[in-house]
Protein backbone atom coordinates (compact mmCIF):
# COMPACT_ATOMS: atom_id res chain seq x y z
CA MET A 1 15.26 -12.23 10.14
CA ALA A 2 16.38 -8.84 11.42
CA ALA A 3 18.31 -6.54 9.15
CA VAL A 4 20.26 -3.39 9.99
CA LEU A 5 19.16 -0.56 7.72
CA ARG A 6 20.96 2.74 7.27
CA ILE A 7 19.29 6.06 6.65
CA ARG A 8 20.97 7.90 3.78
CA LYS A 9 20.59 11.27 2.19
CA LEU A 10 18.93 11.14 -1.23
CA GLY A 11 18.65 14.58 -2.77
CA ASN A 12 16.85 16.76 -0.24
CA SER A 13 15.25 13.72 1.43
CA LEU A 14 16.31 10.80 3.57
CA ALA A 15 15.95 7.20 2.37
CA VAL A 16 16.20 3.67 3.72
CA ILE A 17 17.60 1.04 1.36
CA LEU A 18 15.90 -2.35 1.79
CA PRO A 19 17.96 -5.50 1.19
CA LYS A 20 17.11 -7.61 -1.87
CA ASP A 21 15.87 -10.57 0.20
CA GLN A 22 13.42 -8.32 2.07
CA LEU A 23 12.10 -6.90 -1.23
CA GLU A 24 11.60 -10.44 -2.56
CA ARG A 25 9.77 -11.38 0.63
CA LEU A 26 7.38 -8.44 0.13
CA HIS A 27 7.13 -9.22 -3.62
CA VAL A 28 7.97 -5.63 -4.56
CA GLY A 29 10.49 -4.00 -6.83
CA GLU A 30 11.56 -0.63 -8.16
CA GLY A 31 8.62 1.73 -8.64
CA ASP A 32 6.21 -0.23 -6.42
CA GLU A 33 4.55 1.45 -3.46
CA LEU A 34 4.88 0.37 0.17
CA HIS A 35 2.46 1.48 2.85
CA ALA A 36 3.90 2.24 6.28
CA THR A 37 1.63 1.78 9.29
CA ALA A 38 2.60 2.76 12.81
CA THR A 39 1.99 -0.07 15.28
CA VAL A 40 2.70 -0.54 18.99
CA ASP A 41 5.79 -2.57 18.03
CA GLY A 42 7.14 -0.02 15.55
CA LEU A 43 6.59 0.47 11.84
CA GLU A 44 4.96 -2.10 9.55
CA LEU A 45 5.69 -2.04 5.81
CA SER A 46 3.21 -3.65 3.45
CA PRO A 47 2.60 -3.55 -0.31
CA PHE A 48 -1.15 -3.61 0.43
CA ASP A 49 -3.19 -0.46 1.00
CA PRO A 50 -4.64 -0.61 4.54
CA ASN A 51 -7.63 1.51 3.43
CA PHE A 52 -8.48 -0.68 0.43
CA GLU A 53 -11.19 -2.67 2.23
CA MET A 54 -12.89 0.56 3.32
CA LYS A 55 -12.82 1.83 -0.28
CA ILE A 56 -14.32 -1.42 -1.60
CA LYS A 57 -17.15 -1.25 0.95
CA ALA A 58 -17.89 2.36 -0.07
CA PHE A 59 -17.97 1.34 -3.74
CA ASP A 60 -20.27 -1.58 -2.92
CA ARG A 61 -22.77 0.72 -1.19
CA THR A 62 -22.68 3.15 -4.13
CA ARG A 63 -23.05 0.33 -6.65
CA ARG A 64 -26.16 -0.98 -4.89
CA LYS A 65 -27.68 2.49 -4.49
CA PHE A 66 -27.21 3.46 -8.15
CA ARG A 67 -27.65 -0.03 -9.64
CA ASN A 68 -30.30 1.04 -12.17
CA ALA A 69 -28.43 4.15 -13.29
CA LEU A 70 -25.19 2.18 -13.74
CA ARG A 71 -27.04 -0.46 -15.75
CA GLU A 72 -28.46 2.23 -18.07
CA LEU A 73 -25.04 3.83 -18.47
CA ALA A 74 -23.55 0.47 -19.42
CA ARG A 75 -25.88 0.20 -22.44
């Protein structure tokens, strides 16, 4: 479903107000973060961090490398 969104002035910034049905579809509400990713088709909004998988992989490498030290710290 396509929706027409207006850009409005909000303080010194500009804002786009998302319709309630679109917010429910994304499962987000006031205070939640949305991540905007530029794609060939335009702009994609998602409540999920696109870099999260990369961060998890980095943590996994660190956890394996310092497994013994982390085990000792947990005691």
